[in-house]
PDB file of N, CA and C in Angstrom:
ATOM      1  N   MET A   1      60.944 -19.275  -7.959  1.00  0.00           N
ATOM      2  CA  MET A   1      60.740 -20.734  -8.298  1.00  0.00           C
ATOM      3  C   MET A   1      60.315 -20.595  -9.500  1.00  0.00           C
ATOM      4  N   ALA A   2      60.649 -21.927 -10.243  1.00  0.00           N
ATOM      5  CA  ALA A   2      60.324 -21.623 -11.856  1.00  0.00           C
ATOM      6  C   ALA A   2      59.115 -22.378 -11.982  1.00  0.00           C
ATOM      7  N   THR A   3      58.441 -21.945 -12.740  1.00  0.00           N
ATOM      8  CA  THR A   3      57.100 -22.152 -13.746  1.00  0.00           C
ATOM      9  C   THR A   3      56.603 -23.713 -13.731  1.00  0.00           C
ATOM     10  N   ALA A   4      55.801 -24.025 -13.629  1.00  0.00           N
ATOM     11  CA  ALA A   4      55.291 -25.113 -13.492  1.00  0.00           C
ATOM     12  C   ALA A   4      55.702 -25.866 -15.136  1.00  0.00           C
ATOM     13  N   ASP A   5      55.983 -26.986 -15.446  1.00  0.00           N
ATOM     14  CA  ASP A   5      56.214 -27.214 -16.841  1.00  0.00           C
ATOM     15  C   ASP A   5      55.561 -28.418 -17.233  1.00  0.00           C
ATOM     16  N   GLU A   6      54.728 -29.181 -16.451  1.00  0.00           N
ATOM     17  CA  GLU A   6      53.397 -30.499 -16.395  1.00  0.00           C
ATOM     18  C   GLU A   6      52.750 -30.289 -15.218  1.00  0.00           C
ATOM     19  N   GLN A   7      51.695 -30.439 -15.720  1.00  0.00           N
ATOM     20  CA  GLN A   7      50.123 -30.333 -14.704  1.00  0.00           C
ATOM     21  C   GLN A   7      49.510 -31.899 -14.346  1.00  0.00           C
ATOM     22  N   ILE A   8      49.731 -32.144 -12.911  1.00  0.00           N
ATOM     23  CA  ILE A   8      49.125 -33.350 -12.551  1.00  0.00           C
ATOM     24  C   ILE A   8      47.483 -32.958 -12.673  1.00  0.00           C
ATOM     25  N   ARG A   9      46.983 -34.296 -12.425  1.00  0.00           N
ATOM     26  CA  ARG A   9      45.482 -34.455 -11.943  1.00  0.00           C
ATOM     27  C   ARG A   9      45.701 -35.232 -10.455  1.00  0.00           C
ATOM     28  N   VAL A  10      44.426 -34.335  -9.861  1.00  0.00           N
ATOM     29  CA  VAL A  10      44.094 -34.595  -8.275  1.00  0.00           C
ATOM     30  C   VAL A  10      42.743 -34.717  -8.031  1.00  0.00           C
ATOM     31  N   SER A  11      41.978 -35.818  -7.658  1.00  0.00           N
ATOM     32  CA  SER A  11      40.727 -35.953  -7.611  1.00  0.00           C
ATOM     33  C   SER A  11      40.648 -34.383  -6.195  1.00  0.00           C
ATOM     34  N   ASP A  12      38.906 -34.780  -6.303  1.00  0.00           N
ATOM     35  CA  ASP A  12      38.453 -33.479  -5.843  1.00  0.00           C
ATOM     36  C   ASP A  12      38.457 -33.281  -4.018  1.00  0.00           C
ATOM     37  N   THR A  13      38.930 -34.612  -3.162  1.00  0.00           N
ATOM     38  CA  THR A  13      39.180 -34.828  -2.104  1.00  0.00           C
ATOM     39  C   THR A  13      40.985 -34.852  -2.185  1.00  0.00           C
ATOM     40  N   VAL A  14      41.592 -34.833  -3.043  1.00  0.00           N
ATOM     41  CA  VAL A  14      43.019 -34.791  -2.880  1.00  0.00           C
ATOM     42  C   VAL A  14      43.547 -33.094  -2.784  1.00  0.00           C
ATOM     43  N   LYS A  15      42.322 -32.689  -3.497  1.00  0.00           N
ATOM     44  CA  LYS A  15      42.514 -30.778  -3.681  1.00  0.00           C
ATOM     45  C   LYS A  15      42.335 -30.493  -2.713  1.00  0.00           C
ATOM     46  N   ARG A  16      40.671 -30.703  -1.788  1.00  0.00           N
ATOM     47  CA  ARG A  16      40.431 -30.135  -0.765  1.00  0.00           C
ATOM     48  C   ARG A  16      41.360 -30.351   0.418  1.00  0.00           C
ATOM     49  N   GLU A  17      41.797 -31.674   0.312  1.00  0.00           N
ATOM     50  CA  GLU A  17      43.170 -32.114   1.475  1.00  0.00           C
ATOM     51  C   GLU A  17      44.389 -31.184   1.416  1.00  0.00           C
ATOM     52  N   LEU A  18      44.512 -30.676   0.185  1.00  0.00           N
ATOM     53  CA  LEU A  18      45.595 -29.911   0.158  1.00  0.00           C
ATOM     54  C   LEU A  18      45.300 -28.290  -0.003  1.00  0.00           C
ATOM     55  N   ASP A  19      44.284 -27.935  -0.060  1.00  0.00           N
ATOM     56  CA  ASP A  19      43.799 -26.757   0.319  1.00  0.00           C
ATOM     57  C   ASP A  19      43.805 -26.644   1.269  1.00  0.00           C
ATOM     58  N   ARG A  20      43.866 -27.655   2.364  1.00  0.00           N
ATOM     59  CA  ARG A  20      43.468 -27.686   3.675  1.00  0.00           C
ATOM     60  C   ARG A  20      45.119 -27.513   4.940  1.00  0.00           C
ATOM     61  N   ARG A  21      45.424 -28.514   3.877  1.00  0.00           N
ATOM     62  CA  ARG A  21      47.399 -28.261   4.694  1.00  0.00           C
ATOM     63  C   ARG A  21      48.100 -27.021   4.123  1.00  0.00           C
ATOM     64  N   ARG A  22      47.284 -26.290   2.969  1.00  0.00           N
ATOM     65  CA  ARG A  22      48.266 -25.572   2.385  1.00  0.00           C
ATOM     66  C   ARG A  22      48.356 -24.093   3.316  1.00  0.00           C
ATOM     67  N   ARG A  23      49.414 -23.701   3.562  1.00  0.00           N
ATOM     68  CA  ARG A  23      49.748 -22.578   4.869  1.00  0.00           C
ATOM     69  C   ARG A  23      49.736 -21.301   3.663  1.00  0.00           C
ATOM     70  N   GLU A  24      49.264 -20.412   4.569  1.00  0.00           N
ATOM     71  CA  GLU A  24      49.255 -18.790   3.799  1.00  0.00           C
ATOM     72  C   GLU A  24      50.719 -18.739   2.823  1.00  0.00           C
ATOM     73  N   GLY A  25      50.517 -18.148   1.465  1.00  0.00           N
ATOM     74  CA  GLY A  25      51.302 -17.843   0.795  1.00  0.00           C
ATOM     75  C   GLY A  25      52.188 -19.096  -0.208  1.00  0.00           C
ATOM     76  N   GLU A  26      51.730 -20.177   0.707  1.00  0.00           N
ATOM     77  CA  GLU A  26      52.119 -21.527   0.164  1.00  0.00           C
ATOM     78  C   GLU A  26      51.877 -21.877  -1.545  1.00  0.00           C
ATOM     79  N   SER A  27      52.305 -22.338  -2.186  1.00  0.00           N
ATOM     80  CA  SER A  27      51.926 -22.666  -3.748  1.00  0.00           C
ATOM     81  C   SER A  27      51.518 -24.640  -3.463  1.00  0.00           C
ATOM     82  N   TYR A  28      50.444 -25.011  -4.351  1.00  0.00           N
ATOM     83  CA  TYR A  28      50.432 -26.319  -4.179  1.00  0.00           C
ATOM     84  C   TYR A  28      51.836 -27.186  -3.973  1.00  0.00           C
ATOM     85  N   ASN A  29      52.962 -26.913  -4.958  1.00  0.00           N
ATOM     86  CA  ASN A  29      53.955 -27.420  -4.798  1.00  0.00           C
ATOM     87  C   ASN A  29      54.769 -27.322  -3.706  1.00  0.00           C
ATOM     88  N   ASP A  30      54.625 -26.056  -2.836  1.00  0.00           N
ATOM     89  CA  ASP A  30      55.416 -26.148  -1.537  1.00  0.00           C
ATOM     90  C   ASP A  30      54.869 -26.706  -0.602  1.00  0.00           C
ATOM     91  N   VAL A  31      53.260 -27.056  -0.898  1.00  0.00           N
ATOM     92  CA  VAL A  31      52.747 -28.035   0.203  1.00  0.00           C
ATOM     93  C   VAL A  31      53.207 -29.532  -0.094  1.00  0.00           C
ATOM     94  N   LEU A  32      52.941 -29.991  -1.141  1.00  0.00           N
ATOM     95  CA  LEU A  32      53.161 -31.457  -1.821  1.00  0.00           C
ATOM     96  C   LEU A  32      54.828 -31.248  -1.317  1.00  0.00           C
ATOM     97  N   GLN A  33      55.674 -30.617  -1.534  1.00  0.00           N
ATOM     98  CA  GLN A  33      57.472 -30.825  -0.923  1.00  0.00           C
ATOM     99  C   GLN A  33      57.085 -30.921   0.294  1.00  0.00           C
ATOM    100  N   ARG A  34      56.569 -30.126   1.382  1.00  0.00           N
ATOM    101  CA  ARG A  34      56.943 -30.220   2.504  1.00  0.00           C
ATOM    102  C   ARG A  34      56.132 -31.571   3.141  1.00  0.00           C
ATOM    103  N   MET A  35      55.259 -31.697   2.969  1.00  0.00           N
ATOM    104  CA  MET A  35      54.383 -33.421   2.886  1.00  0.00           C
ATOM    105  C   MET A  35      55.265 -34.595   2.235  1.00  0.00           C
ATOM    106  N   LEU A  36      55.794 -34.520   1.311  1.00  0.00           N
ATOM    107  CA  LEU A  36      56.985 -35.518   1.184  1.00  0.00           C
ATOM    108  C   LEU A  36      57.998 -35.351   2.060  1.00  0.00           C
ATOM    109  N   GLU A  37      58.687 -34.165   2.270  1.00  0.00           N
ATOM    110  CA  GLU A  37      60.143 -34.285   3.638  1.00  0.00           C
ATOM    111  C   GLU A  37      59.564 -34.574   4.656  1.00  0.00           C
ATOM    112  N   ASP A  38      58.084 -34.431   5.101  1.00  0.00           N
ATOM    113  CA  ASP A  38      57.490 -34.588   6.611  1.00  0.00           C
ATOM    114  C   ASP A  38      57.736 -36.257   6.228  1.00  0.00           C
ATOM    115  N   ASP A  39      57.468 -36.396   4.956  1.00  0.00           N
ATOM    116  CA  ASP A  39      57.011 -38.421   5.202  1.00  0.00           C
ATOM    117  C   ASP A  39      58.367 -38.640   5.385  1.00  0.00           C
ATOM    118  N   ARG A  40      59.748 -38.086   4.722  1.00  0.00           N
ATOM    119  CA  ARG A  40      61.146 -38.734   5.276  1.00  0.00           C
ATOM    120  C   ARG A  40      61.524 -38.675   6.337  1.00  0.00           C
ATOM    121  N   ASP A  41      61.180 -37.764   7.047  1.00  0.00           N
ATOM    122  CA  ASP A  41      61.459 -37.358   8.815  1.00  0.00           C
ATOM    123  C   ASP A  41      60.437 -37.834   9.863  1.00  0.00           C
ATOM    124  N   LEU A  42      61.234 -38.765  10.193  1.00  0.00           N
ATOM    125  CA  LEU A  42      60.419 -39.652  11.277  1.00  0.00           C
ATOM    126  C   LEU A  42      60.134 -38.694  12.860  1.00  0.00           C
ATOM    127  N   MET A  43      61.249 -37.581  12.875  1.00  0.00           N
ATOM    128  CA  MET A  43      60.244 -36.582  13.764  1.00  0.00           C
ATOM    129  C   MET A  43      59.754 -35.670  13.200  1.00  0.00           C
ATOM    130  N   ALA A  44      59.041 -35.685  12.110  1.00  0.00           N
ATOM    131  CA  ALA A  44      57.761 -34.801  12.008  1.00  0.00           C
ATOM    132  C   ALA A  44      56.946 -34.479  12.564  1.00  0.00           C
ATOM    133  N   GLY A  45      56.114 -33.833  13.129  1.00  0.00           N
ATOM    134  CA  GLY A  45      54.941 -33.608  13.858  1.00  0.00           C
ATOM    135  C   GLY A  45      55.605 -33.636  15.365  1.00  0.00           C
ATOM    136  N   PHE A  46      56.669 -34.313  15.545  1.00  0.00           N
ATOM    137  CA  PHE A  46      56.503 -34.048  17.173  1.00  0.00           C
ATOM    138  C   PHE A  46      57.196 -32.605  17.454  1.00  0.00           C
ATOM    139  N   GLY A  47      56.646 -32.051  18.446  1.00  0.00           N
ATOM    140  CA  GLY A  47      57.096 -30.980  19.526  1.00  0.00           C
ATOM    141  C   GLY A  47      56.426 -29.835  18.678  1.00  0.00           C
ATOM    142  N   ARG A  48      55.303 -30.153  17.980  1.00  0.00           N
ATOM    143  CA  ARG A  48      53.973 -29.272  17.937  1.00  0.00           C
ATOM    144  C   ARG A  48      53.144 -28.770  18.447  1.00  0.00           C
ATOM    145  N   TRP A  49      53.146 -29.045  19.749  1.00  0.00           N
ATOM    146  CA  TRP A  49      52.224 -28.436  21.112  1.00  0.00           C
ATOM    147  C   TRP A  49      52.808 -27.699  21.915  1.00  0.00           C
ATOM    148  N   SER A  50      52.279 -26.379  22.126  1.00  0.00           N
ATOM    149  CA  SER A  50      53.041 -25.326  23.115  1.00  0.00           C
ATOM    150  C   SER A  50      53.646 -26.293  24.309  1.00  0.00           C
ATOM    151  N   ASP A  51      54.170 -25.478  25.094  1.00  0.00           N
ATOM    152  CA  ASP A  51      54.665 -26.565  26.333  1.00  0.00           C
ATOM    153  C   ASP A  51      53.234 -26.507  27.392  1.00  0.00           C
ATOM    154  N   GLU A  52      52.439 -25.696  27.231  1.00  0.00           N
ATOM    155  CA  GLU A  52      51.201 -25.248  27.683  1.00  0.00           C
ATOM    156  C   GLU A  52      50.261 -26.426  27.439  1.00  0.00           C
ATOM    157  N   GLN A  53      50.095 -26.548  26.115  1.00  0.00           N
ATOM    158  CA  GLN A  53      49.198 -27.774  25.465  1.00  0.00           C
ATOM    159  C   GLN A  53      49.951 -29.051  25.738  1.00  0.00           C
ATOM    160  N   ALA A  54      50.775 -29.514  25.937  1.00  0.00           N
ATOM    161  CA  ALA A  54      52.078 -30.603  26.330  1.00  0.00           C
ATOM    162  C   ALA A  54      51.249 -31.005  27.413  1.00  0.00           C
ATOM    163  N   ASP A  55      51.444 -29.695  28.492  1.00  0.00           N
ATOM    164  CA  ASP A  55      51.205 -30.190  30.459  1.00  0.00           C
ATOM    165  C   ASP A  55      49.460 -30.450  30.761  1.00  0.00           C
ATOM    166  N   ARG A  56      48.651 -29.815  29.557  1.00  0.00           N
ATOM    167  CA  ARG A  56      47.540 -30.277  29.566  1.00  0.00           C
ATOM    168  C   ARG A  56      47.029 -31.772  29.320  1.00  0.00           C
ATOM    169  N   ALA A  57      47.952 -32.003  28.340  1.00  0.00           N
ATOM    170  CA  ALA A  57      47.286 -33.604  27.913  1.00  0.00           C
ATOM    171  C   ALA A  57      48.400 -34.192  29.034  1.00  0.00           C
ATOM    172  N   ARG A  58      49.530 -34.105  29.398  1.00  0.00           N
ATOM    173  CA  ARG A  58      49.546 -34.993  30.548  1.00  0.00           C
ATOM    174  C   ARG A  58      48.826 -34.966  31.661  1.00  0.00           C
ATOM    175  N   GLU A  59      48.092 -33.687  31.938  1.00  0.00           N
ATOM    176  CA  GLU A  59      47.745 -34.240  33.191  1.00  0.00           C
ATOM    177  C   GLU A  59      46.331 -34.689  33.345  1.00  0.00           C
ATOM    178  N   THR A  60      45.908 -34.314  31.752  1.00  0.00           N
ATOM    179  CA  THR A  60      44.377 -35.362  31.504  1.00  0.00           C
ATOM    180  C   THR A  60      45.044 -36.668  31.570  1.00  0.00           C
ATOM    181  N   ARG A  61      46.037 -37.037  30.706  1.00  0.00           N
ATOM    182  CA  ARG A  61      46.319 -38.276  30.918  1.00  0.00           C
ATOM    183  C   ARG A  61      46.752 -38.817  32.592  1.00  0.00           C
ATOM    184  N   GLU A  62      47.310 -38.409  33.430  1.00  0.00           N
ATOM    185  CA  GLU A  62      47.354 -38.815  34.660  1.00  0.00           C
ATOM    186  C   GLU A  62      45.695 -38.624  35.843  1.00  0.00           C
ATOM    187  N   LYS A  63      45.113 -38.347  35.159  1.00  0.00           N
ATOM    188  CA  LYS A  63      43.974 -37.755  35.669  1.00  0.00           C
ATOM    189  C   LYS A  63      42.969 -39.328  35.550  1.00  0.00           C
ATOM    190  N   SER A  64      43.604 -39.387  34.490  1.00  0.00           N
ATOM    191  CA  SER A  64      42.300 -40.778  33.690  1.00  0.00           C
ATOM    192  C   SER A  64      43.304 -42.023  33.952  1.00  0.00           C
ATOM    193  N   LYS A  65      44.231 -42.401  34.429  1.00  0.00           N
ATOM    194  CA  LYS A  65      45.408 -43.126  34.702  1.00  0.00           C
ATOM    195  C   LYS A  65      44.942 -43.631  36.244  1.00  0.00           C
ATOM    196  N   GLN A  66      44.506 -42.693  37.266  1.00  0.00           N
ATOM    197  CA  GLN A  66      44.218 -42.398  38.253  1.00  0.00           C
ATOM    198  C   GLN A  66      43.065 -42.948  38.377  1.00  0.00           C
ATOM    199  N   LYS A  67      41.967 -42.480  37.299  1.00  0.00           N
ATOM    200  CA  LYS A  67      41.081 -42.793  37.213  1.00  0.00           C
ATOM    201  C   LYS A  67      40.551 -44.549  37.430  1.00  0.00           C
ATOM    202  N   SER A  68      41.335 -44.533  36.581  1.00  0.00           N
ATOM    203  CA  SER A  68      41.128 -46.347  35.995  1.00  0.00           C
ATOM    204  C   SER A  68      42.032 -47.236  37.258  1.00  0.00           C
ATOM    205  N   LYS A  69      42.863 -46.551  37.725  1.00  0.00           N
ATOM    206  CA  LYS A  69      43.087 -47.360  39.246  1.00  0.00           C
ATOM    207  C   LYS A  69      42.298 -47.590  39.989  1.00  0.00           C
ATOM    208  N   ASP A  70      41.781 -46.238  40.302  1.00  0.00           N
ATOM    209  CA  ASP A  70      40.229 -46.191  41.454  1.00  0.00           C
ATOM    210  C   ASP A  70      39.615 -47.384  41.414  1.00  0.00           C
ATOM    211  N   ARG A  71      39.021 -47.328  39.993  1.00  0.00           N
ATOM    212  CA  ARG A  71      37.959 -47.916  39.429  1.00  0.00           C
ATOM    213  C   ARG A  71      38.477 -49.584  39.747  1.00  0.00           C
ATOM    214  N   MET A  72      39.538 -49.892  39.434  1.00  0.00           N
ATOM    215  CA  MET A  72      39.811 -51.380  39.497  1.00  0.00           C
ATOM    216  C   MET A  72      40.104 -51.583  40.961  1.00  0.00           C
ATOM    217  N   ARG A  73      40.645 -51.020  41.889  1.00  0.00           N
ATOM    218  CA  ARG A  73      40.203 -51.151  43.315  1.00  0.00           C
ATOM    219  C   ARG A  73      39.147 -51.726  43.782  1.00  0.00           C
ATOM    220  N   ARG A  74      38.163 -50.560  43.189  1.00  0.00           N
ATOM    221  CA  ARG A  74      36.634 -50.475  43.768  1.00  0.00           C
ATOM    222  C   ARG A  74      35.874 -52.394  43.142  1.00  0.00           C
ATOM    223  N   LEU A  75      36.865 -52.205  42.247  1.00  0.00           N
ATOM    224  CA  LEU A  75      35.866 -53.763  41.563  1.00  0.00           C
ATOM    225  C   LEU A  75      37.075 -54.662  42.385  1.00  0.00           C
ATOM    226  N   ALA A  76      38.087 -54.943  42.718  1.00  0.00           N
ATOM    227  CA  ALA A  76      38.837 -55.892  43.600  1.00  0.00           C
ATOM    228  C   ALA A  76      37.987 -55.875  44.996  1.00  0.00           C
ATOM    229  N   ASP A  77      37.600 -54.816  45.022  1.00  0.00           N
ATOM    230  CA  ASP A  77      37.329 -54.372  46.954  1.00  0.00           C
ATOM    231  C   ASP A  77      35.468 -55.532  46.669  1.00  0.00           C
ATOM    232  N   ASP A  78      35.056 -55.124  45.477  1.00  0.00           N
ATOM    233  CA  ASP A  78      33.534 -55.281  45.496  1.00  0.00           C
ATOM    234  C   ASP A  78      33.492 -57.106  45.636  1.00  0.00           C
ATOM    235  N   GLU A  79      34.570 -57.683  45.508  1.00  0.00           N
ATOM    236  CA  GLU A  79      34.864 -58.748  44.518  1.00  0.00           C
ATOM    237  C   GLU A  79      35.188 -60.187  46.041  1.00  0.00           C
TER     238      GLU A  79
END
């Protein structure tokens, strides 16, 4: 990769966010380039959970939906 010809100024907040998103071995340019590519890719971010994480999320959601249905039934029965 070529060396930078120019510098840009960013706020401390932006710098901290770049540091947070920076992966091992990445330059700030790499981080910004990845973020800009992700911004154009509508599917960016999808599929980042492992199968195990996705299964847990689905299970938690189903349990929550069932609790809500049960609560609505109890409220309907009380009327």
